[in-house]
């Protein structure tokens, strides 16, 4: 039987929460740069990077919690329709 190395939970969470903190600060900065207007314009490249970071965070957390990739892939992803 294989044994998994023990994961220091506080280090794991701290290391991965830092990614979310950076995203939070970035989005706060974008809101402030909009100067209080109702609309915020964000560069497509920036949004792609935010999504990549969130996907990495989710993948790492799922891996640490034991959720298998096969099960996660089997679940259908929600579809978002854009109405412009």
N, C-alpha and C. Protein backbone atom coordinates (compact mmCIF):
# COMPACT_ATOMS: atom_id res chain seq x y z
N UNK A 1 0.83 -1.17 0.00
CA UNK A 1 0.00 0.00 0.00
C UNK A 1 0.89 1.24 0.00
N UNK A 2 0.55 2.18 -0.89
CA UNK A 2 1.33 3.40 -0.96
C UNK A 2 0.90 4.36 0.13
N UNK A 3 1.86 5.07 0.68
CA UNK A 3 1.52 6.08 1.67
C UNK A 3 1.78 7.45 1.06
N UNK A 4 0.86 8.36 1.27
CA UNK A 4 1.02 9.71 0.78
C UNK A 4 1.82 10.50 1.80
N UNK A 5 2.72 11.35 1.33
CA UNK A 5 3.43 12.20 2.30
C UNK A 5 2.44 13.16 2.94
N UNK A 6 2.65 13.42 4.21
CA UNK A 6 1.75 14.33 4.91
C UNK A 6 1.90 15.74 4.37
N UNK A 7 0.79 16.38 4.18
CA UNK A 7 0.77 17.74 3.66
C UNK A 7 0.58 18.68 4.83
N UNK A 8 1.46 19.65 4.93
CA UNK A 8 1.29 20.68 5.94
C UNK A 8 0.18 21.60 5.45
N UNK A 9 -0.99 21.46 6.03
CA UNK A 9 -2.18 22.14 5.54
C UNK A 9 -2.02 23.65 5.58
N UNK A 10 -1.47 24.19 6.64
CA UNK A 10 -1.36 25.65 6.74
C UNK A 10 -0.43 26.20 5.66
N UNK A 11 0.66 25.52 5.36
CA UNK A 11 1.55 25.97 4.30
C UNK A 11 0.87 25.85 2.94
N UNK A 12 0.18 24.74 2.72
CA UNK A 12 -0.52 24.53 1.46
C UNK A 12 -1.55 25.62 1.22
N UNK A 13 -2.38 25.87 2.22
CA UNK A 13 -3.43 26.88 2.09
C UNK A 13 -2.82 28.26 1.93
N UNK A 14 -1.83 28.58 2.71
CA UNK A 14 -1.18 29.89 2.62
C UNK A 14 -0.56 30.13 1.26
N UNK A 15 0.08 29.12 0.74
CA UNK A 15 0.73 29.24 -0.56
C UNK A 15 -0.30 29.44 -1.68
N UNK A 16 -1.41 28.73 -1.57
CA UNK A 16 -2.42 28.83 -2.62
C UNK A 16 -3.35 30.03 -2.43
N UNK A 17 -3.57 30.45 -1.22
CA UNK A 17 -4.39 31.64 -1.00
C UNK A 17 -3.67 32.90 -1.48
N UNK A 18 -2.36 32.86 -1.52
CA UNK A 18 -1.62 34.02 -2.02
C UNK A 18 -2.00 34.33 -3.46
N UNK A 19 -2.30 33.30 -4.25
CA UNK A 19 -2.74 33.52 -5.64
C UNK A 19 -4.06 34.29 -5.66
N UNK A 20 -4.98 33.89 -4.79
CA UNK A 20 -6.28 34.55 -4.74
C UNK A 20 -6.14 35.98 -4.22
N UNK A 21 -5.24 36.21 -3.27
CA UNK A 21 -5.02 37.56 -2.75
C UNK A 21 -4.50 38.47 -3.85
N UNK A 22 -3.61 37.96 -4.70
CA UNK A 22 -3.07 38.76 -5.80
C UNK A 22 -4.19 39.12 -6.77
N UNK A 23 -5.04 38.14 -7.09
CA UNK A 23 -6.16 38.42 -7.98
C UNK A 23 -7.10 39.46 -7.38
N UNK A 24 -7.34 39.35 -6.08
CA UNK A 24 -8.20 40.29 -5.39
C UNK A 24 -7.65 41.70 -5.50
N UNK A 25 -6.36 41.86 -5.25
CA UNK A 25 -5.74 43.19 -5.33
C UNK A 25 -5.78 43.74 -6.75
N UNK A 26 -5.58 42.86 -7.73
CA UNK A 26 -5.62 43.27 -9.12
C UNK A 26 -7.01 43.79 -9.50
N UNK A 27 -8.03 43.05 -9.11
CA UNK A 27 -9.39 43.49 -9.43
C UNK A 27 -9.76 44.78 -8.69
N UNK A 28 -9.29 44.92 -7.45
CA UNK A 28 -9.52 46.18 -6.72
C UNK A 28 -8.86 47.34 -7.46
N UNK A 29 -7.66 47.12 -7.96
CA UNK A 29 -6.95 48.15 -8.71
C UNK A 29 -7.72 48.55 -9.97
N UNK A 30 -8.26 47.56 -10.68
CA UNK A 30 -9.03 47.84 -11.89
C UNK A 30 -10.29 48.64 -11.56
N UNK A 31 -10.93 48.32 -10.45
CA UNK A 31 -12.11 49.07 -10.04
C UNK A 31 -11.75 50.52 -9.71
N UNK A 32 -10.65 50.71 -9.01
CA UNK A 32 -10.22 52.08 -8.68
C UNK A 32 -9.84 52.85 -9.93
N UNK A 33 -9.24 52.16 -10.90
CA UNK A 33 -8.83 52.82 -12.14
C UNK A 33 -10.03 53.27 -12.96
N UNK A 34 -11.18 52.66 -12.74
CA UNK A 34 -12.40 53.04 -13.46
C UNK A 34 -12.99 54.33 -12.91
N UNK A 35 -12.44 54.84 -11.86
CA UNK A 35 -12.83 56.12 -11.25
C UNK A 35 -14.30 56.21 -10.91
N UNK A 36 -14.81 55.16 -10.28
CA UNK A 36 -16.17 55.20 -9.75
C UNK A 36 -17.28 55.03 -10.76
N UNK A 37 -16.96 54.80 -12.02
CA UNK A 37 -18.00 54.61 -13.02
C UNK A 37 -18.67 53.25 -12.86
N UNK A 38 -19.81 53.09 -13.51
CA UNK A 38 -20.54 51.83 -13.43
C UNK A 38 -19.87 50.73 -14.24
N UNK A 39 -19.17 51.09 -15.30
CA UNK A 39 -18.56 50.11 -16.19
C UNK A 39 -17.06 50.06 -15.96
N UNK A 40 -16.52 48.83 -16.04
CA UNK A 40 -15.09 48.61 -15.90
C UNK A 40 -14.63 47.89 -17.16
N UNK A 41 -13.58 48.39 -17.77
CA UNK A 41 -13.03 47.76 -18.96
C UNK A 41 -11.74 47.05 -18.56
N UNK A 42 -11.71 45.74 -18.85
CA UNK A 42 -10.53 44.94 -18.51
C UNK A 42 -10.01 44.30 -19.79
N UNK A 43 -8.72 44.36 -19.98
CA UNK A 43 -8.06 43.77 -21.13
C UNK A 43 -8.32 42.26 -21.19
N UNK A 44 -8.56 41.74 -22.38
CA UNK A 44 -8.85 40.31 -22.56
C UNK A 44 -7.70 39.45 -22.02
N UNK A 45 -6.48 39.86 -22.26
CA UNK A 45 -5.31 39.11 -21.79
C UNK A 45 -5.31 39.02 -20.26
N UNK A 46 -5.69 40.09 -19.61
CA UNK A 46 -5.76 40.11 -18.16
C UNK A 46 -6.82 39.13 -17.65
N UNK A 47 -7.98 39.11 -18.29
CA UNK A 47 -9.04 38.18 -17.89
C UNK A 47 -8.60 36.74 -18.10
N UNK A 48 -7.92 36.46 -19.20
CA UNK A 48 -7.42 35.10 -19.46
C UNK A 48 -6.44 34.67 -18.37
N UNK A 49 -5.58 35.59 -17.94
CA UNK A 49 -4.63 35.27 -16.87
C UNK A 49 -5.34 35.03 -15.55
N UNK A 50 -6.36 35.80 -15.26
CA UNK A 50 -7.13 35.60 -14.03
C UNK A 50 -7.78 34.23 -14.05
N UNK A 51 -8.39 33.86 -15.17
CA UNK A 51 -9.03 32.54 -15.29
C UNK A 51 -8.01 31.42 -15.15
N UNK A 52 -6.85 31.58 -15.77
CA UNK A 52 -5.80 30.55 -15.65
C UNK A 52 -5.39 30.36 -14.19
N UNK A 53 -5.21 31.46 -13.48
CA UNK A 53 -4.82 31.39 -12.08
C UNK A 53 -5.88 30.71 -11.25
N UNK A 54 -7.14 31.04 -11.49
CA UNK A 54 -8.23 30.40 -10.75
C UNK A 54 -8.31 28.90 -11.06
N UNK A 55 -8.12 28.52 -12.32
CA UNK A 55 -8.15 27.11 -12.69
C UNK A 55 -7.02 26.34 -12.02
N UNK A 56 -5.84 26.92 -11.96
CA UNK A 56 -4.71 26.28 -11.29
C UNK A 56 -5.02 26.10 -9.81
N UNK A 57 -5.58 27.14 -9.18
CA UNK A 57 -5.95 27.07 -7.77
C UNK A 57 -6.94 25.95 -7.52
N UNK A 58 -7.98 25.88 -8.35
CA UNK A 58 -9.01 24.85 -8.19
C UNK A 58 -8.41 23.46 -8.40
N UNK A 59 -7.59 23.30 -9.42
CA UNK A 59 -6.96 22.00 -9.68
C UNK A 59 -6.09 21.56 -8.51
N UNK A 60 -5.31 22.49 -7.97
CA UNK A 60 -4.44 22.15 -6.83
C UNK A 60 -5.27 21.75 -5.61
N UNK A 61 -6.33 22.49 -5.35
CA UNK A 61 -7.17 22.19 -4.19
C UNK A 61 -7.90 20.87 -4.37
N UNK A 62 -8.38 20.60 -5.58
CA UNK A 62 -9.04 19.31 -5.84
C UNK A 62 -8.05 18.17 -5.67
N UNK A 63 -6.83 18.36 -6.13
CA UNK A 63 -5.81 17.33 -5.99
C UNK A 63 -5.48 17.06 -4.54
N UNK A 64 -5.42 18.12 -3.74
CA UNK A 64 -5.10 17.95 -2.33
C UNK A 64 -6.25 17.33 -1.56
N UNK A 65 -7.48 17.59 -2.03
CA UNK A 65 -8.63 17.05 -1.31
C UNK A 65 -8.98 15.64 -1.75
N UNK A 66 -8.33 15.14 -2.79
CA UNK A 66 -8.56 13.77 -3.23
C UNK A 66 -9.63 13.62 -4.29
N UNK A 67 -10.14 14.72 -4.81
CA UNK A 67 -11.12 14.63 -5.89
C UNK A 67 -10.37 14.22 -7.15
N UNK A 68 -10.81 13.15 -7.75
CA UNK A 68 -10.08 12.65 -8.92
C UNK A 68 -10.39 13.51 -10.14
N UNK A 69 -9.42 13.60 -11.04
CA UNK A 69 -9.59 14.35 -12.27
C UNK A 69 -10.65 13.68 -13.15
N UNK A 70 -10.73 12.36 -13.10
CA UNK A 70 -11.71 11.64 -13.92
C UNK A 70 -13.12 12.04 -13.52
N UNK A 71 -13.37 12.11 -12.24
CA UNK A 71 -14.70 12.48 -11.74
C UNK A 71 -15.01 13.93 -12.08
N UNK A 72 -14.01 14.78 -11.95
CA UNK A 72 -14.22 16.20 -12.24
C UNK A 72 -14.49 16.40 -13.72
N UNK A 73 -13.84 15.64 -14.58
CA UNK A 73 -14.06 15.77 -16.01
C UNK A 73 -15.41 15.19 -16.42
N UNK A 74 -15.90 14.23 -15.69
CA UNK A 74 -17.17 13.59 -16.03
C UNK A 74 -18.36 14.52 -15.79
N UNK A 75 -18.20 15.45 -14.87
CA UNK A 75 -19.29 16.38 -14.59
C UNK A 75 -19.37 17.41 -15.72
N UNK A 76 -20.56 17.64 -16.26
CA UNK A 76 -20.68 18.61 -17.35
C UNK A 76 -20.45 20.03 -16.84
N UNK A 77 -19.72 20.80 -17.63
CA UNK A 77 -19.48 22.19 -17.26
C UNK A 77 -20.70 23.02 -17.63
N UNK A 78 -21.02 24.00 -16.80
CA UNK A 78 -22.16 24.85 -17.13
C UNK A 78 -21.85 25.70 -18.36
N UNK A 79 -22.85 25.96 -19.16
CA UNK A 79 -22.70 26.76 -20.36
C UNK A 79 -23.27 28.14 -20.08
N UNK A 80 -22.49 29.15 -20.46
CA UNK A 80 -22.90 30.52 -20.24
C UNK A 80 -23.22 31.14 -21.58
N UNK A 81 -24.39 31.66 -21.72
CA UNK A 81 -24.78 32.34 -22.95
C UNK A 81 -24.63 33.84 -22.76
N UNK A 82 -24.00 34.47 -23.73
CA UNK A 82 -23.82 35.91 -23.65
C UNK A 82 -24.85 36.58 -24.51
N UNK A 83 -25.50 37.55 -23.95
CA UNK A 83 -26.48 38.35 -24.69
C UNK A 83 -25.93 39.75 -24.82
N UNK A 84 -25.48 40.08 -26.00
CA UNK A 84 -24.92 41.42 -26.22
C UNK A 84 -25.88 42.29 -26.97
